[in-house]
Amino acid sequence: MNQSQQEDLKKRELDAMCVNESQLSHPWYHNIKYLVIGVLFGIVFVKAEIVSWFRIQEMFRLQSFHMYGIIGSAIAVGALSIWIIRKFKIKTMYGEDIVIVTKPFNKGVIFGGLMFGIGWAITGACPGPLFAQVGTGASVVLVTVLSAISGTWFYGLLRDKLPH
């Protein structure tokens, strides 16, 4: 890896826990598996009422444990998965190493988390269920999708100027 690629990798590691640099090239239709998994994931979100604005409002008003149980379960599964990957040095299905970087704590995490939580409370949607909400026919959520995309773009524009 040359110097420019290493600098780019370091920047991307700030934004992600796992940055795998695959050298493999696949035809476009290999992405269909991700589409299928995404659609199934969206169906699960709808059936579990994760995309329900009312469920999200119940959570923020501390009126129901439903969403906290789902989020807690996801954290437990994620933590266990990362532990297993590290412990047994699991590789990708193509045999490549999975590299999980440790990231230093910074105050930007607090500010970003607050902005994320406020946006979640106001819109009743976080990034995961947004597309599932659109898929249920809630076209008003397109405003939230466009806002999330523009916020991500704006962050990418200012990323080098922000404190990390």
N, C-alpha and C. Protein backbone atom coordinates (compact mmCIF):
# COMPACT_ATOMS: atom_id res chain seq x y z
N MET A 1 0.85 -1.18 0.00
CA MET A 1 0.00 0.00 0.00
C MET A 1 0.89 1.24 0.00
N ASN A 2 0.60 2.18 -0.88
CA ASN A 2 1.40 3.40 -0.91
C ASN A 2 0.94 4.39 0.18
N GLN A 3 1.65 5.48 0.33
CA GLN A 3 1.40 6.46 1.39
C GLN A 3 -0.01 7.05 1.32
N SER A 4 -0.46 7.38 0.12
CA SER A 4 -1.79 7.95 -0.07
C SER A 4 -2.89 6.98 0.35
N GLN A 5 -2.73 5.71 -0.02
CA GLN A 5 -3.71 4.69 0.36
C GLN A 5 -3.74 4.48 1.87
N GLN A 6 -2.56 4.52 2.51
CA GLN A 6 -2.50 4.36 3.96
C GLN A 6 -3.19 5.52 4.68
N GLU A 7 -3.00 6.74 4.19
CA GLU A 7 -3.66 7.90 4.79
C GLU A 7 -5.18 7.80 4.63
N ASP A 8 -5.62 7.38 3.45
CA ASP A 8 -7.05 7.21 3.21
C ASP A 8 -7.63 6.14 4.13
N LEU A 9 -6.91 5.04 4.32
CA LEU A 9 -7.36 3.98 5.20
C LEU A 9 -7.48 4.47 6.63
N LYS A 10 -6.51 5.25 7.10
CA LYS A 10 -6.56 5.80 8.46
C LYS A 10 -7.79 6.69 8.65
N LYS A 11 -8.12 7.50 7.66
CA LYS A 11 -9.30 8.36 7.74
C LYS A 11 -10.57 7.53 7.80
N ARG A 12 -10.65 6.50 6.96
CA ARG A 12 -11.85 5.66 6.94
C ARG A 12 -11.99 4.85 8.22
N GLU A 13 -10.87 4.52 8.86
CA GLU A 13 -10.92 3.80 10.12
C GLU A 13 -11.55 4.65 11.22
N LEU A 14 -11.50 5.98 11.08
CA LEU A 14 -12.15 6.86 12.05
C LEU A 14 -13.66 6.71 12.01
N ASP A 15 -14.20 6.37 10.84
CA ASP A 15 -15.63 6.30 10.64
C ASP A 15 -16.21 4.90 10.73
N ALA A 16 -15.37 3.89 10.80
CA ALA A 16 -15.87 2.52 10.80
C ALA A 16 -15.04 1.66 11.75
N MET A 17 -15.68 0.67 12.31
CA MET A 17 -14.97 -0.23 13.21
C MET A 17 -14.14 -1.24 12.45
N CYS A 18 -14.62 -1.65 11.30
CA CYS A 18 -13.95 -2.68 10.52
C CYS A 18 -13.82 -2.19 9.08
N VAL A 19 -12.60 -2.06 8.61
CA VAL A 19 -12.36 -1.62 7.24
C VAL A 19 -11.52 -2.69 6.56
N ASN A 20 -12.17 -3.52 5.79
CA ASN A 20 -11.46 -4.57 5.06
C ASN A 20 -11.14 -4.08 3.66
N GLU A 21 -9.91 -4.26 3.27
CA GLU A 21 -9.46 -3.85 1.95
C GLU A 21 -9.38 -5.07 1.04
N SER A 22 -10.48 -5.44 0.46
CA SER A 22 -10.52 -6.61 -0.40
C SER A 22 -9.90 -6.27 -1.75
N GLN A 23 -9.10 -7.17 -2.24
CA GLN A 23 -8.51 -7.02 -3.56
C GLN A 23 -9.30 -7.80 -4.60
N LEU A 24 -10.39 -8.41 -4.17
CA LEU A 24 -11.20 -9.23 -5.07
C LEU A 24 -12.11 -8.36 -5.92
N SER A 25 -12.36 -8.81 -7.13
CA SER A 25 -13.27 -8.11 -8.02
C SER A 25 -14.35 -9.10 -8.45
N HIS A 26 -15.59 -8.69 -8.33
CA HIS A 26 -16.70 -9.57 -8.67
C HIS A 26 -17.59 -8.90 -9.72
N PRO A 27 -18.30 -9.71 -10.50
CA PRO A 27 -19.29 -9.13 -11.42
C PRO A 27 -20.43 -8.46 -10.63
N TRP A 28 -21.13 -7.56 -11.26
CA TRP A 28 -22.17 -6.78 -10.59
C TRP A 28 -23.23 -7.65 -9.95
N TYR A 29 -23.57 -8.79 -10.55
CA TYR A 29 -24.67 -9.60 -10.04
C TYR A 29 -24.35 -10.28 -8.71
N HIS A 30 -23.11 -10.23 -8.27
CA HIS A 30 -22.78 -10.76 -6.94
C HIS A 30 -23.42 -9.89 -5.84
N ASN A 31 -23.79 -8.68 -6.18
CA ASN A 31 -24.43 -7.79 -5.21
C ASN A 31 -25.90 -8.13 -4.97
N ILE A 32 -26.48 -8.99 -5.78
CA ILE A 32 -27.88 -9.37 -5.61
C ILE A 32 -28.10 -10.01 -4.25
N LYS A 33 -27.11 -10.76 -3.77
CA LYS A 33 -27.25 -11.39 -2.45
C LYS A 33 -27.44 -10.34 -1.36
N TYR A 34 -26.79 -9.19 -1.50
CA TYR A 34 -26.96 -8.12 -0.51
C TYR A 34 -28.35 -7.50 -0.61
N LEU A 35 -28.87 -7.39 -1.81
CA LEU A 35 -30.22 -6.89 -2.01
C LEU A 35 -31.23 -7.81 -1.34
N VAL A 36 -31.07 -9.11 -1.53
CA VAL A 36 -31.98 -10.10 -0.94
C VAL A 36 -31.92 -10.02 0.59
N ILE A 37 -30.72 -9.98 1.14
CA ILE A 37 -30.57 -9.88 2.60
C ILE A 37 -31.19 -8.58 3.10
N GLY A 38 -30.99 -7.48 2.38
CA GLY A 38 -31.56 -6.20 2.78
C GLY A 38 -33.08 -6.22 2.78
N VAL A 39 -33.67 -6.83 1.77
CA VAL A 39 -35.13 -6.94 1.71
C VAL A 39 -35.65 -7.79 2.87
N LEU A 40 -34.99 -8.92 3.13
CA LEU A 40 -35.40 -9.76 4.26
C LEU A 40 -35.24 -9.02 5.59
N PHE A 41 -34.16 -8.28 5.72
CA PHE A 41 -33.93 -7.48 6.93
C PHE A 41 -35.04 -6.44 7.09
N GLY A 42 -35.44 -5.80 6.00
CA GLY A 42 -36.53 -4.83 6.03
C GLY A 42 -37.85 -5.46 6.45
N ILE A 43 -38.12 -6.66 5.95
CA ILE A 43 -39.35 -7.37 6.34
C ILE A 43 -39.35 -7.65 7.83
N VAL A 44 -38.21 -8.09 8.35
CA VAL A 44 -38.09 -8.34 9.80
C VAL A 44 -38.33 -7.04 10.58
N PHE A 45 -37.77 -5.94 10.10
CA PHE A 45 -37.97 -4.64 10.76
C PHE A 45 -39.46 -4.28 10.81
N VAL A 46 -40.16 -4.49 9.70
CA VAL A 46 -41.59 -4.17 9.66
C VAL A 46 -42.38 -5.07 10.60
N LYS A 47 -42.12 -6.38 10.54
CA LYS A 47 -42.85 -7.33 11.37
C LYS A 47 -42.58 -7.14 12.86
N ALA A 48 -41.36 -6.72 13.21
CA ALA A 48 -41.01 -6.50 14.61
C ALA A 48 -41.41 -5.10 15.09
N GLU A 49 -42.03 -4.33 14.22
CA GLU A 49 -42.48 -2.96 14.50
C GLU A 49 -41.34 -2.00 14.82
N ILE A 50 -40.15 -2.31 14.33
CA ILE A 50 -39.01 -1.43 14.54
C ILE A 50 -39.17 -0.15 13.73
N VAL A 51 -39.90 -0.21 12.63
CA VAL A 51 -40.09 0.97 11.80
C VAL A 51 -41.29 1.79 12.23
N SER A 52 -41.97 1.38 13.27
CA SER A 52 -43.16 2.08 13.73
C SER A 52 -42.79 3.37 14.47
N TRP A 53 -43.28 4.48 13.96
CA TRP A 53 -43.04 5.77 14.60
C TRP A 53 -43.56 5.75 16.03
N PHE A 54 -44.70 5.09 16.25
CA PHE A 54 -45.29 5.04 17.58
C PHE A 54 -44.40 4.26 18.55
N ARG A 55 -43.80 3.17 18.09
CA ARG A 55 -42.87 2.39 18.94
C ARG A 55 -41.66 3.23 19.32
N ILE A 56 -41.16 3.99 18.38
CA ILE A 56 -39.99 4.83 18.64
C ILE A 56 -40.35 5.93 19.63
N GLN A 57 -41.52 6.52 19.47
CA GLN A 57 -41.95 7.55 20.42
C GLN A 57 -42.15 6.96 21.82
N GLU A 58 -42.70 5.74 21.89
CA GLU A 58 -42.85 5.06 23.19
C GLU A 58 -41.49 4.90 23.86
N MET A 59 -40.49 4.56 23.07
CA MET A 59 -39.15 4.38 23.62
C MET A 59 -38.63 5.69 24.20
N PHE A 60 -38.72 6.77 23.43
CA PHE A 60 -38.18 8.04 23.90
C PHE A 60 -38.99 8.63 25.06
N ARG A 61 -40.22 8.21 25.20
CA ARG A 61 -41.04 8.65 26.34
C ARG A 61 -40.96 7.69 27.51
N LEU A 62 -40.11 6.66 27.38
CA LEU A 62 -39.91 5.63 28.41
C LEU A 62 -41.22 4.94 28.78
N GLN A 63 -42.07 4.70 27.79
CA GLN A 63 -43.37 4.07 28.01
C GLN A 63 -43.37 2.59 27.66
N SER A 64 -42.30 2.10 27.01
CA SER A 64 -42.29 0.71 26.58
C SER A 64 -40.85 0.20 26.53
N PHE A 65 -40.69 -1.09 26.80
CA PHE A 65 -39.37 -1.72 26.76
C PHE A 65 -39.07 -2.33 25.39
N HIS A 66 -40.04 -2.38 24.51
CA HIS A 66 -39.93 -3.06 23.21
C HIS A 66 -38.64 -2.70 22.47
N MET A 67 -38.43 -1.44 22.20
CA MET A 67 -37.27 -1.01 21.41
C MET A 67 -35.97 -1.19 22.19
N TYR A 68 -36.00 -0.95 23.50
CA TYR A 68 -34.80 -1.15 24.31
C TYR A 68 -34.38 -2.62 24.30
N GLY A 69 -35.34 -3.52 24.30
CA GLY A 69 -35.04 -4.94 24.21
C GLY A 69 -34.39 -5.31 22.89
N ILE A 70 -34.89 -4.74 21.81
CA ILE A 70 -34.34 -5.00 20.48
C ILE A 70 -32.93 -4.44 20.38
N ILE A 71 -32.74 -3.20 20.82
CA ILE A 71 -31.42 -2.57 20.76
C ILE A 71 -30.44 -3.33 21.65
N GLY A 72 -30.87 -3.70 22.85
CA GLY A 72 -30.00 -4.47 23.75
C GLY A 72 -29.61 -5.81 23.16
N SER A 73 -30.56 -6.47 22.51
CA SER A 73 -30.27 -7.75 21.86
C SER A 73 -29.25 -7.56 20.74
N ALA A 74 -29.40 -6.50 19.97
CA ALA A 74 -28.46 -6.23 18.87
C ALA A 74 -27.06 -5.96 19.40
N ILE A 75 -26.97 -5.21 20.50
CA ILE A 75 -25.66 -4.94 21.11
C ILE A 75 -25.02 -6.23 21.60
N ALA A 76 -25.80 -7.08 22.25
CA ALA A 76 -25.27 -8.35 22.75
C ALA A 76 -24.79 -9.25 21.61
N VAL A 77 -25.58 -9.35 20.54
CA VAL A 77 -25.20 -10.18 19.40
C VAL A 77 -23.94 -9.60 18.73
N GLY A 78 -23.90 -8.29 18.58
CA GLY A 78 -22.72 -7.66 17.97
C GLY A 78 -21.46 -7.87 18.79
N ALA A 79 -21.56 -7.67 20.11
CA ALA A 79 -20.40 -7.86 20.99
C ALA A 79 -19.91 -9.30 20.96
N LEU A 80 -20.85 -10.24 21.02
CA LEU A 80 -20.49 -11.66 20.96
C LEU A 80 -19.84 -12.00 19.62
N SER A 81 -20.38 -11.46 18.54
CA SER A 81 -19.83 -11.72 17.20
C SER A 81 -18.40 -11.20 17.08
N ILE A 82 -18.16 -9.98 17.58
CA ILE A 82 -16.81 -9.42 17.51
C ILE A 82 -15.84 -10.24 18.37
N TRP A 83 -16.30 -10.67 19.53
CA TRP A 83 -15.46 -11.50 20.40
C TRP A 83 -15.09 -12.80 19.68
N ILE A 84 -16.07 -13.44 19.03
CA ILE A 84 -15.82 -14.70 18.31
C ILE A 84 -14.86 -14.48 17.15
N ILE A 85 -15.05 -13.38 16.40
CA ILE A 85 -14.17 -13.07 15.26
C ILE A 85 -12.74 -12.91 15.74
N ARG A 86 -12.55 -12.18 16.83
CA ARG A 86 -11.20 -11.96 17.36
C ARG A 86 -10.61 -13.23 17.95
N LYS A 87 -11.39 -13.94 18.74
CA LYS A 87 -10.90 -15.14 19.45
C LYS A 87 -10.46 -16.23 18.48
N PHE A 88 -11.27 -16.49 17.47
CA PHE A 88 -10.99 -17.59 16.55
C PHE A 88 -10.39 -17.13 15.22
N LYS A 89 -10.03 -15.83 15.16
CA LYS A 89 -9.42 -15.27 13.94
C LYS A 89 -10.19 -15.67 12.68
N ILE A 90 -11.49 -15.44 12.74
CA ILE A 90 -12.39 -15.75 11.63
C ILE A 90 -11.99 -14.91 10.41
N LYS A 91 -12.10 -15.49 9.25
CA LYS A 91 -11.81 -14.80 8.00
C LYS A 91 -13.10 -14.58 7.22
N THR A 92 -13.03 -13.75 6.19
CA THR A 92 -14.19 -13.55 5.33
C THR A 92 -14.47 -14.83 4.57
N MET A 93 -15.61 -14.90 3.90
CA MET A 93 -15.93 -16.13 3.16
C MET A 93 -14.99 -16.34 1.99
N TYR A 94 -14.18 -15.34 1.65
CA TYR A 94 -13.19 -15.47 0.59
C TYR A 94 -11.79 -15.70 1.15
N GLY A 95 -11.69 -15.90 2.48
CA GLY A 95 -10.40 -16.22 3.10
C GLY A 95 -9.55 -15.03 3.50
N GLU A 96 -10.09 -13.82 3.41
CA GLU A 96 -9.32 -12.63 3.77
C GLU A 96 -9.45 -12.36 5.27
N ASP A 97 -8.41 -11.76 5.85
CA ASP A 97 -8.43 -11.42 7.27
C ASP A 97 -9.47 -10.33 7.54
N ILE A 98 -10.10 -10.40 8.70
CA ILE A 98 -11.00 -9.35 9.16
C ILE A 98 -10.21 -8.51 10.17
N VAL A 99 -10.05 -7.24 9.87
CA VAL A 99 -9.27 -6.36 10.71
C VAL A 99 -10.22 -5.42 11.45
N ILE A 100 -10.21 -5.52 12.78
CA ILE A 100 -11.04 -4.65 13.61
C ILE A 100 -10.10 -3.72 14.36
N VAL A 101 -10.20 -2.44 14.06
CA VAL A 101 -9.29 -1.46 14.66
C VAL A 101 -9.86 -0.93 15.97
N THR A 102 -8.98 -0.58 16.89
CA THR A 102 -9.41 0.08 18.11
C THR A 102 -9.35 1.58 17.85
N LYS A 103 -10.39 2.27 18.26
CA LYS A 103 -10.47 3.69 18.01
C LYS A 103 -10.42 4.45 19.33
N PRO A 104 -9.66 5.53 19.38
CA PRO A 104 -9.61 6.33 20.61
C PRO A 104 -10.93 7.09 20.80
N PHE A 105 -11.31 7.29 22.06
CA PHE A 105 -12.52 8.05 22.34
C PHE A 105 -12.25 9.53 22.08
N ASN A 106 -13.25 10.22 21.55
CA ASN A 106 -13.14 11.67 21.38
C ASN A 106 -14.49 12.31 21.60
N LYS A 107 -14.49 13.60 21.87
CA LYS A 107 -15.73 14.31 22.20
C LYS A 107 -16.70 14.38 21.01
N GLY A 108 -16.20 14.19 19.81
CA GLY A 108 -17.08 14.19 18.65
C GLY A 108 -18.13 13.08 18.72
N VAL A 109 -17.80 11.98 19.40
CA VAL A 109 -18.74 10.89 19.55
C VAL A 109 -19.95 11.35 20.36
N ILE A 110 -19.72 12.15 21.38
CA ILE A 110 -20.83 12.65 22.22
C ILE A 110 -21.70 13.59 21.40
N PHE A 111 -21.09 14.54 20.70
CA PHE A 111 -21.86 15.48 19.90
C PHE A 111 -22.61 14.77 18.77
N GLY A 112 -21.94 13.86 18.11
CA GLY A 112 -22.59 13.10 17.04
C GLY A 112 -23.74 12.25 17.56
N GLY A 113 -23.54 11.62 18.72
CA GLY A 113 -24.59 10.81 19.32
C GLY A 113 -25.80 11.64 19.71
N LEU A 114 -25.55 12.84 20.25
CA LEU A 114 -26.66 13.73 20.60
C LEU A 114 -27.43 14.17 19.36
N MET A 115 -26.72 14.53 18.31
CA MET A 115 -27.38 14.93 17.07
C MET A 115 -28.19 13.78 16.48
N PHE A 116 -27.60 12.59 16.52
CA PHE A 116 -28.28 11.39 16.02
C PHE A 116 -29.55 11.13 16.83
N GLY A 117 -29.45 11.18 18.15
CA GLY A 117 -30.60 10.92 19.02
C GLY A 117 -31.71 11.95 18.84
N ILE A 118 -31.33 13.20 18.72
CA ILE A 118 -32.34 14.26 18.53
C ILE A 118 -33.05 14.06 17.19
N GLY A 119 -32.27 13.77 16.15
CA GLY A 119 -32.88 13.52 14.83
C GLY A 119 -33.78 12.29 14.86
N TRP A 120 -33.37 11.27 15.58
CA TRP A 120 -34.15 10.04 15.70
C TRP A 120 -35.47 10.33 16.41
N ALA A 121 -35.40 11.12 17.50
CA ALA A 121 -36.61 11.45 18.25
C ALA A 121 -37.57 12.32 17.44
N ILE A 122 -37.03 13.26 16.68
CA ILE A 122 -37.88 14.16 15.91
C ILE A 122 -38.54 13.44 14.73
N THR A 123 -37.76 12.65 14.01
CA THR A 123 -38.29 12.02 12.79
C THR A 123 -38.94 10.67 13.05
N GLY A 124 -38.59 10.04 14.15
CA GLY A 124 -39.10 8.70 14.43
C GLY A 124 -38.43 7.64 13.58
N ALA A 125 -37.22 7.93 13.13
CA ALA A 125 -36.52 6.97 12.29
C ALA A 125 -35.01 7.11 12.46
N CYS A 126 -34.33 5.98 12.50
CA CYS A 126 -32.87 5.98 12.43
C CYS A 126 -32.49 5.40 11.07
N PRO A 127 -31.23 5.47 10.67
CA PRO A 127 -30.87 5.06 9.31
C PRO A 127 -31.26 3.64 8.92
N GLY A 128 -31.20 2.70 9.82
CA GLY A 128 -31.53 1.31 9.48
C GLY A 128 -32.93 1.14 8.93
N PRO A 129 -33.94 1.59 9.65
CA PRO A 129 -35.32 1.40 9.20
C PRO A 129 -35.82 2.38 8.14
N LEU A 130 -35.03 3.39 7.79
CA LEU A 130 -35.53 4.39 6.84
C LEU A 130 -36.04 3.77 5.54
N PHE A 131 -35.25 2.90 4.96
CA PHE A 131 -35.64 2.33 3.67
C PHE A 131 -36.81 1.36 3.83
N ALA A 132 -36.87 0.68 4.99
CA ALA A 132 -38.01 -0.19 5.25
C ALA A 132 -39.28 0.64 5.39
N GLN A 133 -39.18 1.82 6.00
CA GLN A 133 -40.34 2.70 6.12
C GLN A 133 -40.81 3.16 4.75
N VAL A 134 -39.88 3.52 3.88
CA VAL A 134 -40.24 3.90 2.51
C VAL A 134 -40.90 2.71 1.82
N GLY A 135 -40.37 1.51 2.05
CA GLY A 135 -40.92 0.31 1.45
C GLY A 135 -42.34 -0.01 1.90
N THR A 136 -42.73 0.48 3.09
CA THR A 136 -44.10 0.25 3.56
C THR A 136 -45.08 1.25 2.95
N GLY A 137 -44.56 2.21 2.19
CA GLY A 137 -45.43 3.18 1.55
C GLY A 137 -45.48 4.52 2.26
N ALA A 138 -44.69 4.68 3.31
CA ALA A 138 -44.65 5.96 4.04
C ALA A 138 -43.77 6.93 3.26
N SER A 139 -44.32 7.51 2.21
CA SER A 139 -43.53 8.36 1.32
C SER A 139 -43.00 9.62 1.99
N VAL A 140 -43.62 10.06 3.07
CA VAL A 140 -43.14 11.25 3.78
C VAL A 140 -41.73 11.02 4.32
N VAL A 141 -41.35 9.76 4.50
CA VAL A 141 -40.03 9.42 5.03
C VAL A 141 -38.93 9.75 4.01
N LEU A 142 -39.31 9.94 2.75
CA LEU A 142 -38.32 10.34 1.75
C LEU A 142 -37.62 11.64 2.15
N VAL A 143 -38.32 12.52 2.85
CA VAL A 143 -37.70 13.75 3.35
C VAL A 143 -36.59 13.39 4.33
N THR A 144 -36.84 12.43 5.20
CA THR A 144 -35.84 12.00 6.17
C THR A 144 -34.68 11.30 5.46
N VAL A 145 -34.97 10.49 4.45
CA VAL A 145 -33.91 9.81 3.69
C VAL A 145 -33.01 10.85 3.03
N LEU A 146 -33.61 11.84 2.37
CA LEU A 146 -32.81 12.89 1.72
C LEU A 146 -32.02 13.69 2.75
N SER A 147 -32.60 13.93 3.92
CA SER A 147 -31.89 14.65 4.98
C SER A 147 -30.71 13.83 5.48
N ALA A 148 -30.89 12.52 5.66
CA ALA A 148 -29.80 11.66 6.11
C ALA A 148 -28.67 11.61 5.08
N ILE A 149 -29.05 11.52 3.82
CA ILE A 149 -28.03 11.49 2.76
C ILE A 149 -27.28 12.82 2.70
N SER A 150 -28.01 13.92 2.78
CA SER A 150 -27.33 15.22 2.72
C SER A 150 -26.48 15.46 3.97
N GLY A 151 -26.92 14.99 5.13
CA GLY A 151 -26.12 15.10 6.34
C GLY A 151 -24.83 14.31 6.23
N THR A 152 -24.92 13.12 5.65
CA THR A 152 -23.73 12.29 5.45
C THR A 152 -22.78 12.97 4.47
N TRP A 153 -23.33 13.52 3.40
CA TRP A 153 -22.51 14.24 2.42
C TRP A 153 -21.83 15.44 3.07
N PHE A 154 -22.60 16.19 3.88
CA PHE A 154 -22.07 17.38 4.54
C PHE A 154 -20.94 17.01 5.51
N TYR A 155 -21.13 15.90 6.24
CA TYR A 155 -20.07 15.42 7.14
C TYR A 155 -18.81 15.08 6.34
N GLY A 156 -18.98 14.39 5.21
CA GLY A 156 -17.83 14.04 4.37
C GLY A 156 -17.12 15.27 3.86
N LEU A 157 -17.88 16.31 3.58
CA LEU A 157 -17.29 17.57 3.11
C LEU A 157 -16.44 18.23 4.19
N LEU A 158 -16.94 18.19 5.44
CA LEU A 158 -16.25 18.88 6.54
C LEU A 158 -15.38 17.96 7.40
N ARG A 159 -15.32 16.69 7.07
CA ARG A 159 -14.66 15.70 7.93
C ARG A 159 -13.23 16.08 8.30
N ASP A 160 -12.46 16.58 7.36
CA ASP A 160 -11.07 16.92 7.65
C ASP A 160 -10.94 18.12 8.57
N LYS A 161 -11.98 18.94 8.67
CA LYS A 161 -11.94 20.12 9.52
C LYS A 161 -12.50 19.88 10.92
N LEU A 162 -13.18 18.74 11.10
CA LEU A 162 -13.82 18.44 12.37
C LEU A 162 -12.82 17.78 13.34
N PRO A 163 -13.03 17.97 14.66
CA PRO A 163 -12.13 17.32 15.62
C PRO A 163 -12.42 15.83 15.72
N HIS A 164 -11.41 15.03 15.51
CA HIS A 164 -11.55 13.58 15.66
C HIS A 164 -10.68 13.16 16.79
